[in-house]
Amino acid sequence: GVGHMSLDQDWHGIKSAFPVSSGGLHPGLVPDVLDIYGEDLVLLV
């Protein structure tokens, strides 16, 4: 958990899901998005 933003969660074997980043992106913003998310995401441009 992070402060008052979220709580601890053990998923106990529930599989993962991809975050999807979208909305007003273009090539010049791609590095900024990847700095936040890393490579495990769906990037919609």
ModelCIF file with pLDDT and N, C-alpha, C, O atoms, coordinates in Angstrom:
data_MODEL
#
_entry.id   MODEL 
#
_entity.id                         1 
_entity.type                       polymer 
_entity.pdbx_number_of_molecules   1 
#
_entity_poly.entity_id                      1 
_entity_poly.type                           'polypeptide(L)' 
_entity_poly.nstd_linkage                   no 
_entity_poly.nstd_monomer                   no 
_entity_poly.pdbx_seq_one_letter_code       GVGHMSLDQDWHGIKSAFPVSSGGLHPGLVPDVLDIYGEDLVLLV 
_entity_poly.pdbx_seq_one_letter_code_can   GVGHMSLDQDWHGIKSAFPVSSGGLHPGLVPDVLDIYGEDLVLLV 
_entity_poly.pdbx_strand_id                 A 
#
loop_
_entity_poly_seq.entity_id 
_entity_poly_seq.num 
_entity_poly_seq.mon_id 
_entity_poly_seq.hetero 
1 1  GLY n 
1 2  VAL n 
1 3  GLY n 
1 4  HIS n 
1 5  MET n 
1 6  SER n 
1 7  LEU n 
1 8  ASP n 
1 9  GLN n 
1 10 ASP n 
1 11 TRP n 
1 12 HIS n 
1 13 GLY n 
1 14 ILE n 
1 15 LYS n 
1 16 SER n 
1 17 ALA n 
1 18 PHE n 
1 19 PRO n 
1 20 VAL n 
1 21 SER n 
1 22 SER n 
1 23 GLY n 
1 24 GLY n 
1 25 LEU n 
1 26 HIS n 
1 27 PRO n 
1 28 GLY n 
1 29 LEU n 
1 30 VAL n 
1 31 PRO n 
1 32 ASP n 
1 33 VAL n 
1 34 LEU n 
1 35 ASP n 
1 36 ILE n 
1 37 TYR n 
1 38 GLY n 
1 39 GLU n 
1 40 ASP n 
1 41 LEU n 
1 42 VAL n 
1 43 LEU n 
1 44 LEU n 
1 45 VAL n 
#
_struct_asym.id          A 
_struct_asym.entity_id   1 
#
loop_
_ma_qa_metric.id 
_ma_qa_metric.mode 
_ma_qa_metric.name 
_ma_qa_metric.software_group_id 
_ma_qa_metric.type 
1 global pLDDT . pLDDT 
2 local  pLDDT . pLDDT 
#
_ma_qa_metric_global.metric_id      1 
_ma_qa_metric_global.metric_value   96.29 
_ma_qa_metric_global.model_id       1 
_ma_qa_metric_global.ordinal_id     1 
#
loop_
_ma_qa_metric_local.label_asym_id 
_ma_qa_metric_local.label_comp_id 
_ma_qa_metric_local.label_seq_id 
_ma_qa_metric_local.metric_id 
_ma_qa_metric_local.metric_value 
_ma_qa_metric_local.model_id 
_ma_qa_metric_local.ordinal_id 
A GLY 1  2 96.00 1 1  
A VAL 2  2 96.00 1 2  
A GLY 3  2 94.00 1 3  
A HIS 4  2 95.00 1 4  
A MET 5  2 96.00 1 5  
A SER 6  2 97.00 1 6  
A LEU 7  2 98.00 1 7  
A ASP 8  2 98.00 1 8  
A GLN 9  2 98.00 1 9  
A ASP 10 2 98.00 1 10 
A TRP 11 2 98.00 1 11 
A HIS 12 2 97.00 1 12 
A GLY 13 2 96.00 1 13 
A ILE 14 2 98.00 1 14 
A LYS 15 2 98.00 1 15 
A SER 16 2 98.00 1 16 
A ALA 17 2 98.00 1 17 
A PHE 18 2 98.00 1 18 
A PRO 19 2 97.00 1 19 
A VAL 20 2 97.00 1 20 
A SER 21 2 95.00 1 21 
A SER 22 2 91.00 1 22 
A GLY 23 2 89.00 1 23 
A GLY 24 2 90.00 1 24 
A LEU 25 2 95.00 1 25 
A HIS 26 2 97.00 1 26 
A PRO 27 2 98.00 1 27 
A GLY 28 2 97.00 1 28 
A LEU 29 2 96.00 1 29 
A VAL 30 2 97.00 1 30 
A PRO 31 2 96.00 1 31 
A ASP 32 2 95.00 1 32 
A VAL 33 2 96.00 1 33 
A LEU 34 2 96.00 1 34 
A ASP 35 2 95.00 1 35 
A ILE 36 2 95.00 1 36 
A TYR 37 2 96.00 1 37 
A GLY 38 2 97.00 1 38 
A GLU 39 2 97.00 1 39 
A ASP 40 2 98.00 1 40 
A LEU 41 2 97.00 1 41 
A VAL 42 2 98.00 1 42 
A LEU 43 2 97.00 1 43 
A LEU 44 2 97.00 1 44 
A VAL 45 2 97.00 1 45 
#
loop_
_atom_site.group_PDB 
_atom_site.id 
_atom_site.type_symbol 
_atom_site.label_atom_id 
_atom_site.label_alt_id 
_atom_site.label_comp_id 
_atom_site.label_asym_id 
_atom_site.label_entity_id 
_atom_site.label_seq_id 
_atom_site.pdbx_PDB_ins_code 
_atom_site.Cartn_x 
_atom_site.Cartn_y 
_atom_site.Cartn_z 
_atom_site.occupancy 
_atom_site.B_iso_or_equiv 
_atom_site.pdbx_formal_charge 
_atom_site.auth_seq_id 
_atom_site.auth_comp_id 
_atom_site.auth_asym_id 
_atom_site.auth_atom_id 
_atom_site.pdbx_PDB_model_num 
ATOM 1   N N  . GLY A 1 1  ? 0.812  -1.204  0.000   1.00 96.00 ? 1  GLY A N  1 
ATOM 2   C CA . GLY A 1 1  ? 0.000  0.000   0.000   1.00 96.00 ? 1  GLY A CA 1 
ATOM 3   C C  . GLY A 1 1  ? 0.848  1.259   0.000   1.00 96.00 ? 1  GLY A C  1 
ATOM 4   O O  . GLY A 1 1  ? 1.982  1.262   0.480   1.00 96.00 ? 1  GLY A O  1 
ATOM 5   N N  . VAL A 1 2  ? 0.284  2.329   -0.545  1.00 96.00 ? 2  VAL A N  1 
ATOM 6   C CA . VAL A 1 2  ? 0.977  3.622   -0.639  1.00 96.00 ? 2  VAL A CA 1 
ATOM 7   C C  . VAL A 1 2  ? 0.145  4.672   0.081   1.00 96.00 ? 2  VAL A C  1 
ATOM 8   O O  . VAL A 1 2  ? -0.880 5.118   -0.434  1.00 96.00 ? 2  VAL A O  1 
ATOM 9   N N  . GLY A 1 3  ? 0.583  5.067   1.267   1.00 94.00 ? 3  GLY A N  1 
ATOM 10  C CA . GLY A 1 3  ? -0.071 6.135   2.011   1.00 94.00 ? 3  GLY A CA 1 
ATOM 11  C C  . GLY A 1 3  ? -1.573 5.968   2.074   1.00 94.00 ? 3  GLY A C  1 
ATOM 12  O O  . GLY A 1 3  ? -2.081 4.910   2.443   1.00 94.00 ? 3  GLY A O  1 
ATOM 13  N N  . HIS A 1 4  ? -2.282 7.033   1.707   1.00 95.00 ? 4  HIS A N  1 
ATOM 14  C CA . HIS A 1 4  ? -3.734 6.992   1.664   1.00 95.00 ? 4  HIS A CA 1 
ATOM 15  C C  . HIS A 1 4  ? -4.246 6.747   0.248   1.00 95.00 ? 4  HIS A C  1 
ATOM 16  O O  . HIS A 1 4  ? -5.410 7.014   -0.051  1.00 95.00 ? 4  HIS A O  1 
ATOM 17  N N  . MET A 1 5  ? -3.367 6.233   -0.629  1.00 96.00 ? 5  MET A N  1 
ATOM 18  C CA . MET A 1 5  ? -3.767 5.970   -2.015  1.00 96.00 ? 5  MET A CA 1 
ATOM 19  C C  . MET A 1 5  ? -4.201 4.527   -2.234  1.00 96.00 ? 5  MET A C  1 
ATOM 20  O O  . MET A 1 5  ? -5.064 4.261   -3.072  1.00 96.00 ? 5  MET A O  1 
ATOM 21  N N  . SER A 1 6  ? -3.615 3.596   -1.493  1.00 97.00 ? 6  SER A N  1 
ATOM 22  C CA . SER A 1 6  ? -3.921 2.182   -1.719  1.00 97.00 ? 6  SER A CA 1 
ATOM 23  C C  . SER A 1 6  ? -3.537 1.375   -0.487  1.00 97.00 ? 6  SER A C  1 
ATOM 24  O O  . SER A 1 6  ? -2.808 1.846   0.387   1.00 97.00 ? 6  SER A O  1 
ATOM 25  N N  . LEU A 1 7  ? -4.046 0.150   -0.439  1.00 98.00 ? 7  LEU A N  1 
ATOM 26  C CA . LEU A 1 7  ? -3.779 -0.757  0.667   1.00 98.00 ? 7  LEU A CA 1 
ATOM 27  C C  . LEU A 1 7  ? -2.939 -1.940  0.200   1.00 98.00 ? 7  LEU A C  1 
ATOM 28  O O  . LEU A 1 7  ? -2.805 -2.183  -0.999  1.00 98.00 ? 7  LEU A O  1 
ATOM 29  N N  . ASP A 1 8  ? -2.377 -2.669  1.155   1.00 98.00 ? 8  ASP A N  1 
ATOM 30  C CA . ASP A 1 8  ? -1.672 -3.905  0.823   1.00 98.00 ? 8  ASP A CA 1 
ATOM 31  C C  . ASP A 1 8  ? -2.644 -4.895  0.182   1.00 98.00 ? 8  ASP A C  1 
ATOM 32  O O  . ASP A 1 8  ? -3.826 -4.941  0.525   1.00 98.00 ? 8  ASP A O  1 
ATOM 33  N N  . GLN A 1 9  ? -2.119 -5.685  -0.756  1.00 98.00 ? 9  GLN A N  1 
ATOM 34  C CA . GLN A 1 9  ? -2.944 -6.731  -1.367  1.00 98.00 ? 9  GLN A CA 1 
ATOM 35  C C  . GLN A 1 9  ? -2.068 -7.892  -1.799  1.00 98.00 ? 9  GLN A C  1 
ATOM 36  O O  . GLN A 1 9  ? -1.201 -7.732  -2.658  1.00 98.00 ? 9  GLN A O  1 
ATOM 37  N N  . ASP A 1 10 ? -2.287 -9.054  -1.213  1.00 98.00 ? 10 ASP A N  1 
ATOM 38  C CA . ASP A 1 10 ? -1.689 -10.298 -1.681  1.00 98.00 ? 10 ASP A CA 1 
ATOM 39  C C  . ASP A 1 10 ? -2.715 -10.956 -2.587  1.00 98.00 ? 10 ASP A C  1 
ATOM 40  O O  . ASP A 1 10 ? -3.833 -11.245 -2.159  1.00 98.00 ? 10 ASP A O  1 
ATOM 41  N N  . TRP A 1 11 ? -2.336 -11.195 -3.847  1.00 98.00 ? 11 TRP A N  1 
ATOM 42  C CA . TRP A 1 11 ? -3.304 -11.709 -4.822  1.00 98.00 ? 11 TRP A CA 1 
ATOM 43  C C  . TRP A 1 11 ? -3.453 -13.229 -4.762  1.00 98.00 ? 11 TRP A C  1 
ATOM 44  O O  . TRP A 1 11 ? -4.357 -13.770 -5.398  1.00 98.00 ? 11 TRP A O  1 
ATOM 45  N N  . HIS A 1 12 ? -2.621 -13.916 -4.039  1.00 97.00 ? 12 HIS A N  1 
ATOM 46  C CA . HIS A 1 12 ? -2.780 -15.352 -3.801  1.00 97.00 ? 12 HIS A CA 1 
ATOM 47  C C  . HIS A 1 12 ? -3.045 -16.141 -5.092  1.00 97.00 ? 12 HIS A C  1 
ATOM 48  O O  . HIS A 1 12 ? -3.977 -16.943 -5.159  1.00 97.00 ? 12 HIS A O  1 
ATOM 49  N N  . GLY A 1 13 ? -2.225 -15.906 -6.100  1.00 96.00 ? 13 GLY A N  1 
ATOM 50  C CA . GLY A 1 13 ? -2.310 -16.715 -7.313  1.00 96.00 ? 13 GLY A CA 1 
ATOM 51  C C  . GLY A 1 13 ? -3.198 -16.166 -8.409  1.00 96.00 ? 13 GLY A C  1 
ATOM 52  O O  . GLY A 1 13 ? -3.192 -16.704 -9.516  1.00 96.00 ? 13 GLY A O  1 
ATOM 53  N N  . ILE A 1 14 ? -3.972 -15.099 -8.144  1.00 98.00 ? 14 ILE A N  1 
ATOM 54  C CA . ILE A 1 14 ? -4.742 -14.454 -9.210  1.00 98.00 ? 14 ILE A CA 1 
ATOM 55  C C  . ILE A 1 14 ? -3.747 -13.881 -10.221 1.00 98.00 ? 14 ILE A C  1 
ATOM 56  O O  . ILE A 1 14 ? -2.813 -13.173 -9.843  1.00 98.00 ? 14 ILE A O  1 
ATOM 57  N N  . LYS A 1 15 ? -3.949 -14.188 -11.510 1.00 98.00 ? 15 LYS A N  1 
ATOM 58  C CA . LYS A 1 15 ? -2.993 -13.759 -12.529 1.00 98.00 ? 15 LYS A CA 1 
ATOM 59  C C  . LYS A 1 15 ? -3.003 -12.239 -12.720 1.00 98.00 ? 15 LYS A C  1 
ATOM 60  O O  . LYS A 1 15 ? -3.925 -11.538 -12.303 1.00 98.00 ? 15 LYS A O  1 
ATOM 61  N N  . SER A 1 16 ? -1.950 -11.769 -13.362 1.00 98.00 ? 16 SER A N  1 
ATOM 62  C CA . SER A 1 16 ? -1.755 -10.341 -13.589 1.00 98.00 ? 16 SER A CA 1 
ATOM 63  C C  . SER A 1 16 ? -2.558 -9.853  -14.792 1.00 98.00 ? 16 SER A C  1 
ATOM 64  O O  . SER A 1 16 ? -3.062 -10.647 -15.586 1.00 98.00 ? 16 SER A O  1 
ATOM 65  N N  . ALA A 1 17 ? -2.664 -8.528  -14.906 1.00 98.00 ? 17 ALA A N  1 
ATOM 66  C CA . ALA A 1 17 ? -3.301 -7.882  -16.049 1.00 98.00 ? 17 ALA A CA 1 
ATOM 67  C C  . ALA A 1 17 ? -2.444 -6.694  -16.473 1.00 98.00 ? 17 ALA A C  1 
ATOM 68  O O  . ALA A 1 17 ? -1.766 -6.082  -15.647 1.00 98.00 ? 17 ALA A O  1 
ATOM 69  N N  . PHE A 1 18 ? -2.477 -6.374  -17.759 1.00 98.00 ? 18 PHE A N  1 
ATOM 70  C CA . PHE A 1 18 ? -1.700 -5.248  -18.272 1.00 98.00 ? 18 PHE A CA 1 
ATOM 71  C C  . PHE A 1 18 ? -2.394 -3.915  -17.984 1.00 98.00 ? 18 PHE A C  1 
ATOM 72  O O  . PHE A 1 18 ? -3.601 -3.803  -18.193 1.00 98.00 ? 18 PHE A O  1 
ATOM 73  N N  . PRO A 1 19 ? -1.664 -2.906  -17.511 1.00 97.00 ? 19 PRO A N  1 
ATOM 74  C CA . PRO A 1 19 ? -2.179 -1.545  -17.587 1.00 97.00 ? 19 PRO A CA 1 
ATOM 75  C C  . PRO A 1 19 ? -2.112 -1.061  -19.034 1.00 97.00 ? 19 PRO A C  1 
ATOM 76  O O  . PRO A 1 19 ? -1.235 -1.470  -19.794 1.00 97.00 ? 19 PRO A O  1 
ATOM 77  N N  . VAL A 1 20 ? -3.035 -0.198  -19.403 1.00 97.00 ? 20 VAL A N  1 
ATOM 78  C CA . VAL A 1 20 ? -3.075 0.358   -20.758 1.00 97.00 ? 20 VAL A CA 1 
ATOM 79  C C  . VAL A 1 20 ? -2.932 1.864   -20.645 1.00 97.00 ? 20 VAL A C  1 
ATOM 80  O O  . VAL A 1 20 ? -3.709 2.516   -19.947 1.00 97.00 ? 20 VAL A O  1 
ATOM 81  N N  . SER A 1 21 ? -1.945 2.416   -21.328 1.00 95.00 ? 21 SER A N  1 
ATOM 82  C CA . SER A 1 21 ? -1.716 3.859   -21.291 1.00 95.00 ? 21 SER A CA 1 
ATOM 83  C C  . SER A 1 21 ? -2.207 4.463   -22.599 1.00 95.00 ? 21 SER A C  1 
ATOM 84  O O  . SER A 1 21 ? -1.752 4.085   -23.679 1.00 95.00 ? 21 SER A O  1 
ATOM 85  N N  . SER A 1 22 ? -3.141 5.408   -22.492 1.00 91.00 ? 22 SER A N  1 
ATOM 86  C CA . SER A 1 22 ? -3.721 5.993   -23.702 1.00 91.00 ? 22 SER A CA 1 
ATOM 87  C C  . SER A 1 22 ? -4.263 7.372   -23.391 1.00 91.00 ? 22 SER A C  1 
ATOM 88  O O  . SER A 1 22 ? -4.537 7.703   -22.237 1.00 91.00 ? 22 SER A O  1 
ATOM 89  N N  . GLY A 1 23 ? -4.416 8.178   -24.441 1.00 89.00 ? 23 GLY A N  1 
ATOM 90  C CA . GLY A 1 23 ? -5.043 9.478   -24.290 1.00 89.00 ? 23 GLY A CA 1 
ATOM 91  C C  . GLY A 1 23 ? -4.103 10.636  -24.553 1.00 89.00 ? 23 GLY A C  1 
ATOM 92  O O  . GLY A 1 23 ? -3.442 11.111  -23.630 1.00 89.00 ? 23 GLY A O  1 
ATOM 93  N N  . GLY A 1 24 ? -4.028 11.102  -25.787 1.00 90.00 ? 24 GLY A N  1 
ATOM 94  C CA . GLY A 1 24 ? -3.227 12.276  -26.107 1.00 90.00 ? 24 GLY A CA 1 
ATOM 95  C C  . GLY A 1 24 ? -1.743 12.023  -26.238 1.00 90.00 ? 24 GLY A C  1 
ATOM 96  O O  . GLY A 1 24 ? -0.938 12.926  -26.009 1.00 90.00 ? 24 GLY A O  1 
ATOM 97  N N  . LEU A 1 25 ? -1.366 10.805  -26.604 1.00 95.00 ? 25 LEU A N  1 
ATOM 98  C CA . LEU A 1 25 ? 0.062  10.489  -26.743 1.00 95.00 ? 25 LEU A CA 1 
ATOM 99  C C  . LEU A 1 25 ? 0.540  10.676  -28.181 1.00 95.00 ? 25 LEU A C  1 
ATOM 100 O O  . LEU A 1 25 ? -0.238 10.601  -29.132 1.00 95.00 ? 25 LEU A O  1 
ATOM 101 N N  . HIS A 1 26 ? 1.832  10.921  -28.306 1.00 97.00 ? 26 HIS A N  1 
ATOM 102 C CA . HIS A 1 26 ? 2.513  10.965  -29.609 1.00 97.00 ? 26 HIS A CA 1 
ATOM 103 C C  . HIS A 1 26 ? 3.951  10.501  -29.378 1.00 97.00 ? 26 HIS A C  1 
ATOM 104 O O  . HIS A 1 26 ? 4.352  10.338  -28.226 1.00 97.00 ? 26 HIS A O  1 
ATOM 105 N N  . PRO A 1 27 ? 4.735  10.285  -30.425 1.00 98.00 ? 27 PRO A N  1 
ATOM 106 C CA . PRO A 1 27 ? 6.080  9.743   -30.224 1.00 98.00 ? 27 PRO A CA 1 
ATOM 107 C C  . PRO A 1 27 ? 6.947  10.520  -29.252 1.00 98.00 ? 27 PRO A C  1 
ATOM 108 O O  . PRO A 1 27 ? 7.777  9.928   -28.561 1.00 98.00 ? 27 PRO A O  1 
ATOM 109 N N  . GLY A 1 28 ? 6.774  11.835  -29.183 1.00 97.00 ? 28 GLY A N  1 
ATOM 110 C CA . GLY A 1 28 ? 7.603  12.641  -28.285 1.00 97.00 ? 28 GLY A CA 1 
ATOM 111 C C  . GLY A 1 28 ? 7.333  12.403  -26.817 1.00 97.00 ? 28 GLY A C  1 
ATOM 112 O O  . GLY A 1 28 ? 8.150  12.771  -25.973 1.00 97.00 ? 28 GLY A O  1 
ATOM 113 N N  . LEU A 1 29 ? 6.193  11.789  -26.490 1.00 96.00 ? 29 LEU A N  1 
ATOM 114 C CA . LEU A 1 29 ? 5.853  11.506  -25.095 1.00 96.00 ? 29 LEU A CA 1 
ATOM 115 C C  . LEU A 1 29 ? 6.091  10.056  -24.700 1.00 96.00 ? 29 LEU A C  1 
ATOM 116 O O  . LEU A 1 29 ? 5.944  9.706   -23.529 1.00 96.00 ? 29 LEU A O  1 
ATOM 117 N N  . VAL A 1 30 ? 6.452  9.213   -25.646 1.00 97.00 ? 30 VAL A N  1 
ATOM 118 C CA . VAL A 1 30 ? 6.620  7.790   -25.363 1.00 97.00 ? 30 VAL A CA 1 
ATOM 119 C C  . VAL A 1 30 ? 7.629  7.526   -24.247 1.00 97.00 ? 30 VAL A C  1 
ATOM 120 O O  . VAL A 1 30 ? 7.327  6.739   -23.350 1.00 97.00 ? 30 VAL A O  1 
ATOM 121 N N  . PRO A 1 31 ? 8.818  8.147   -24.255 1.00 96.00 ? 31 PRO A N  1 
ATOM 122 C CA . PRO A 1 31 ? 9.761  7.877   -23.159 1.00 96.00 ? 31 PRO A CA 1 
ATOM 123 C C  . PRO A 1 31 ? 9.213  8.260   -21.785 1.00 96.00 ? 31 PRO A C  1 
ATOM 124 O O  . PRO A 1 31 ? 9.493  7.580   -20.798 1.00 96.00 ? 31 PRO A O  1 
ATOM 125 N N  . ASP A 1 32 ? 8.433  9.349   -21.713 1.00 95.00 ? 32 ASP A N  1 
ATOM 126 C CA . ASP A 1 32 ? 7.855  9.758   -20.432 1.00 95.00 ? 32 ASP A CA 1 
ATOM 127 C C  . ASP A 1 32 ? 6.922  8.684   -19.896 1.00 95.00 ? 32 ASP A C  1 
ATOM 128 O O  . ASP A 1 32 ? 6.938  8.384   -18.702 1.00 95.00 ? 32 ASP A O  1 
ATOM 129 N N  . VAL A 1 33 ? 6.110  8.104   -20.773 1.00 96.00 ? 33 VAL A N  1 
ATOM 130 C CA . VAL A 1 33 ? 5.189  7.051   -20.353 1.00 96.00 ? 33 VAL A CA 1 
ATOM 131 C C  . VAL A 1 33 ? 5.959  5.816   -19.909 1.00 96.00 ? 33 VAL A C  1 
ATOM 132 O O  . VAL A 1 33 ? 5.624  5.210   -18.892 1.00 96.00 ? 33 VAL A O  1 
ATOM 133 N N  . LEU A 1 34 ? 6.984  5.439   -20.661 1.00 96.00 ? 34 LEU A N  1 
ATOM 134 C CA . LEU A 1 34 ? 7.747  4.232   -20.325 1.00 96.00 ? 34 LEU A CA 1 
ATOM 135 C C  . LEU A 1 34 ? 8.562  4.422   -19.046 1.00 96.00 ? 34 LEU A C  1 
ATOM 136 O O  . LEU A 1 34 ? 8.811  3.458   -18.322 1.00 96.00 ? 34 LEU A O  1 
ATOM 137 N N  . ASP A 1 35 ? 8.975  5.653   -18.765 1.00 95.00 ? 35 ASP A N  1 
ATOM 138 C CA . ASP A 1 35 ? 9.650  5.921   -17.489 1.00 95.00 ? 35 ASP A CA 1 
ATOM 139 C C  . ASP A 1 35 ? 8.715  5.631   -16.316 1.00 95.00 ? 35 ASP A C  1 
ATOM 140 O O  . ASP A 1 35 ? 9.165  5.186   -15.260 1.00 95.00 ? 35 ASP A O  1 
ATOM 141 N N  . ILE A 1 36 ? 7.429  5.878   -16.495 1.00 95.00 ? 36 ILE A N  1 
ATOM 142 C CA . ILE A 1 36 ? 6.441  5.651   -15.440 1.00 95.00 ? 36 ILE A CA 1 
ATOM 143 C C  . ILE A 1 36 ? 6.107  4.174   -15.317 1.00 95.00 ? 36 ILE A C  1 
ATOM 144 O O  . ILE A 1 36 ? 6.110  3.625   -14.215 1.00 95.00 ? 36 ILE A O  1 
ATOM 145 N N  . TYR A 1 37 ? 5.821  3.531   -16.437 1.00 96.00 ? 37 TYR A N  1 
ATOM 146 C CA . TYR A 1 37 ? 5.268  2.177   -16.430 1.00 96.00 ? 37 TYR A CA 1 
ATOM 147 C C  . TYR A 1 37 ? 6.298  1.062   -16.611 1.00 96.00 ? 37 TYR A C  1 
ATOM 148 O O  . TYR A 1 37 ? 6.065  -0.066  -16.176 1.00 96.00 ? 37 TYR A O  1 
ATOM 149 N N  . GLY A 1 38 ? 7.437  1.363   -17.248 1.00 97.00 ? 38 GLY A N  1 
ATOM 150 C CA . GLY A 1 38 ? 8.296  0.272   -17.678 1.00 97.00 ? 38 GLY A CA 1 
ATOM 151 C C  . GLY A 1 38 ? 7.734  -0.350  -18.944 1.00 97.00 ? 38 GLY A C  1 
ATOM 152 O O  . GLY A 1 38 ? 6.913  0.259   -19.628 1.00 97.00 ? 38 GLY A O  1 
ATOM 153 N N  . GLU A 1 39 ? 8.174  -1.561  -19.257 1.00 97.00 ? 39 GLU A N  1 
ATOM 154 C CA . GLU A 1 39 ? 7.792  -2.164  -20.537 1.00 97.00 ? 39 GLU A CA 1 
ATOM 155 C C  . GLU A 1 39 ? 6.570  -3.064  -20.455 1.00 97.00 ? 39 GLU A C  1 
ATOM 156 O O  . GLU A 1 39 ? 6.060  -3.501  -21.487 1.00 97.00 ? 39 GLU A O  1 
ATOM 157 N N  . ASP A 1 40 ? 6.089  -3.351  -19.245 1.00 98.00 ? 40 ASP A N  1 
ATOM 158 C CA . ASP A 1 40 ? 4.920  -4.219  -19.115 1.00 98.00 ? 40 ASP A CA 1 
ATOM 159 C C  . ASP A 1 40 ? 3.636  -3.395  -19.152 1.00 98.00 ? 40 ASP A C  1 
ATOM 160 O O  . ASP A 1 40 ? 3.009  -3.143  -18.124 1.00 98.00 ? 40 ASP A O  1 
ATOM 161 N N  . LEU A 1 41 ? 3.268  -2.987  -20.346 1.00 97.00 ? 41 LEU A N  1 
ATOM 162 C CA . LEU A 1 41 ? 2.038  -2.235  -20.539 1.00 97.00 ? 41 LEU A CA 1 
ATOM 163 C C  . LEU A 1 41 ? 1.590  -2.367  -21.984 1.00 97.00 ? 41 LEU A C  1 
ATOM 164 O O  . LEU A 1 41 ? 2.340  -2.831  -22.842 1.00 97.00 ? 41 LEU A O  1 
ATOM 165 N N  . VAL A 1 42 ? 0.362  -1.953  -22.239 1.00 98.00 ? 42 VAL A N  1 
ATOM 166 C CA . VAL A 1 42 ? -0.135 -1.773  -23.597 1.00 98.00 ? 42 VAL A CA 1 
ATOM 167 C C  . VAL A 1 42 ? -0.111 -0.276  -23.866 1.00 98.00 ? 42 VAL A C  1 
ATOM 168 O O  . VAL A 1 42 ? -0.788 0.498   -23.188 1.00 98.00 ? 42 VAL A O  1 
ATOM 169 N N  . LEU A 1 43 ? 0.665  0.123   -24.851 1.00 97.00 ? 43 LEU A N  1 
ATOM 170 C CA . LEU A 1 43 ? 0.866  1.532   -25.183 1.00 97.00 ? 43 LEU A CA 1 
ATOM 171 C C  . LEU A 1 43 ? 0.009  1.876   -26.395 1.00 97.00 ? 43 LEU A C  1 
ATOM 172 O O  . LEU A 1 43 ? 0.241  1.368   -27.492 1.00 97.00 ? 43 LEU A O  1 
ATOM 173 N N  . LEU A 1 44 ? -0.983 2.740   -26.193 1.00 97.00 ? 44 LEU A N  1 
ATOM 174 C CA . LEU A 1 44 ? -1.865 3.145   -27.285 1.00 97.00 ? 44 LEU A CA 1 
ATOM 175 C C  . LEU A 1 44 ? -1.522 4.571   -27.713 1.00 97.00 ? 44 LEU A C  1 
ATOM 176 O O  . LEU A 1 44 ? -1.663 5.516   -26.937 1.00 97.00 ? 44 LEU A O  1 
ATOM 177 N N  . VAL A 1 45 ? -1.077 4.708   -28.941 1.00 97.00 ? 45 VAL A N  1 
ATOM 178 C CA . VAL A 1 45 ? -0.770 6.023   -29.524 1.00 97.00 ? 45 VAL A CA 1 
ATOM 179 C C  . VAL A 1 45 ? -1.621 6.136   -30.776 1.00 97.00 ? 45 VAL A C  1 
ATOM 180 O O  . VAL A 1 45 ? -1.564 7.150   -31.472 1.00 97.00 ? 45 VAL A O  1 
#
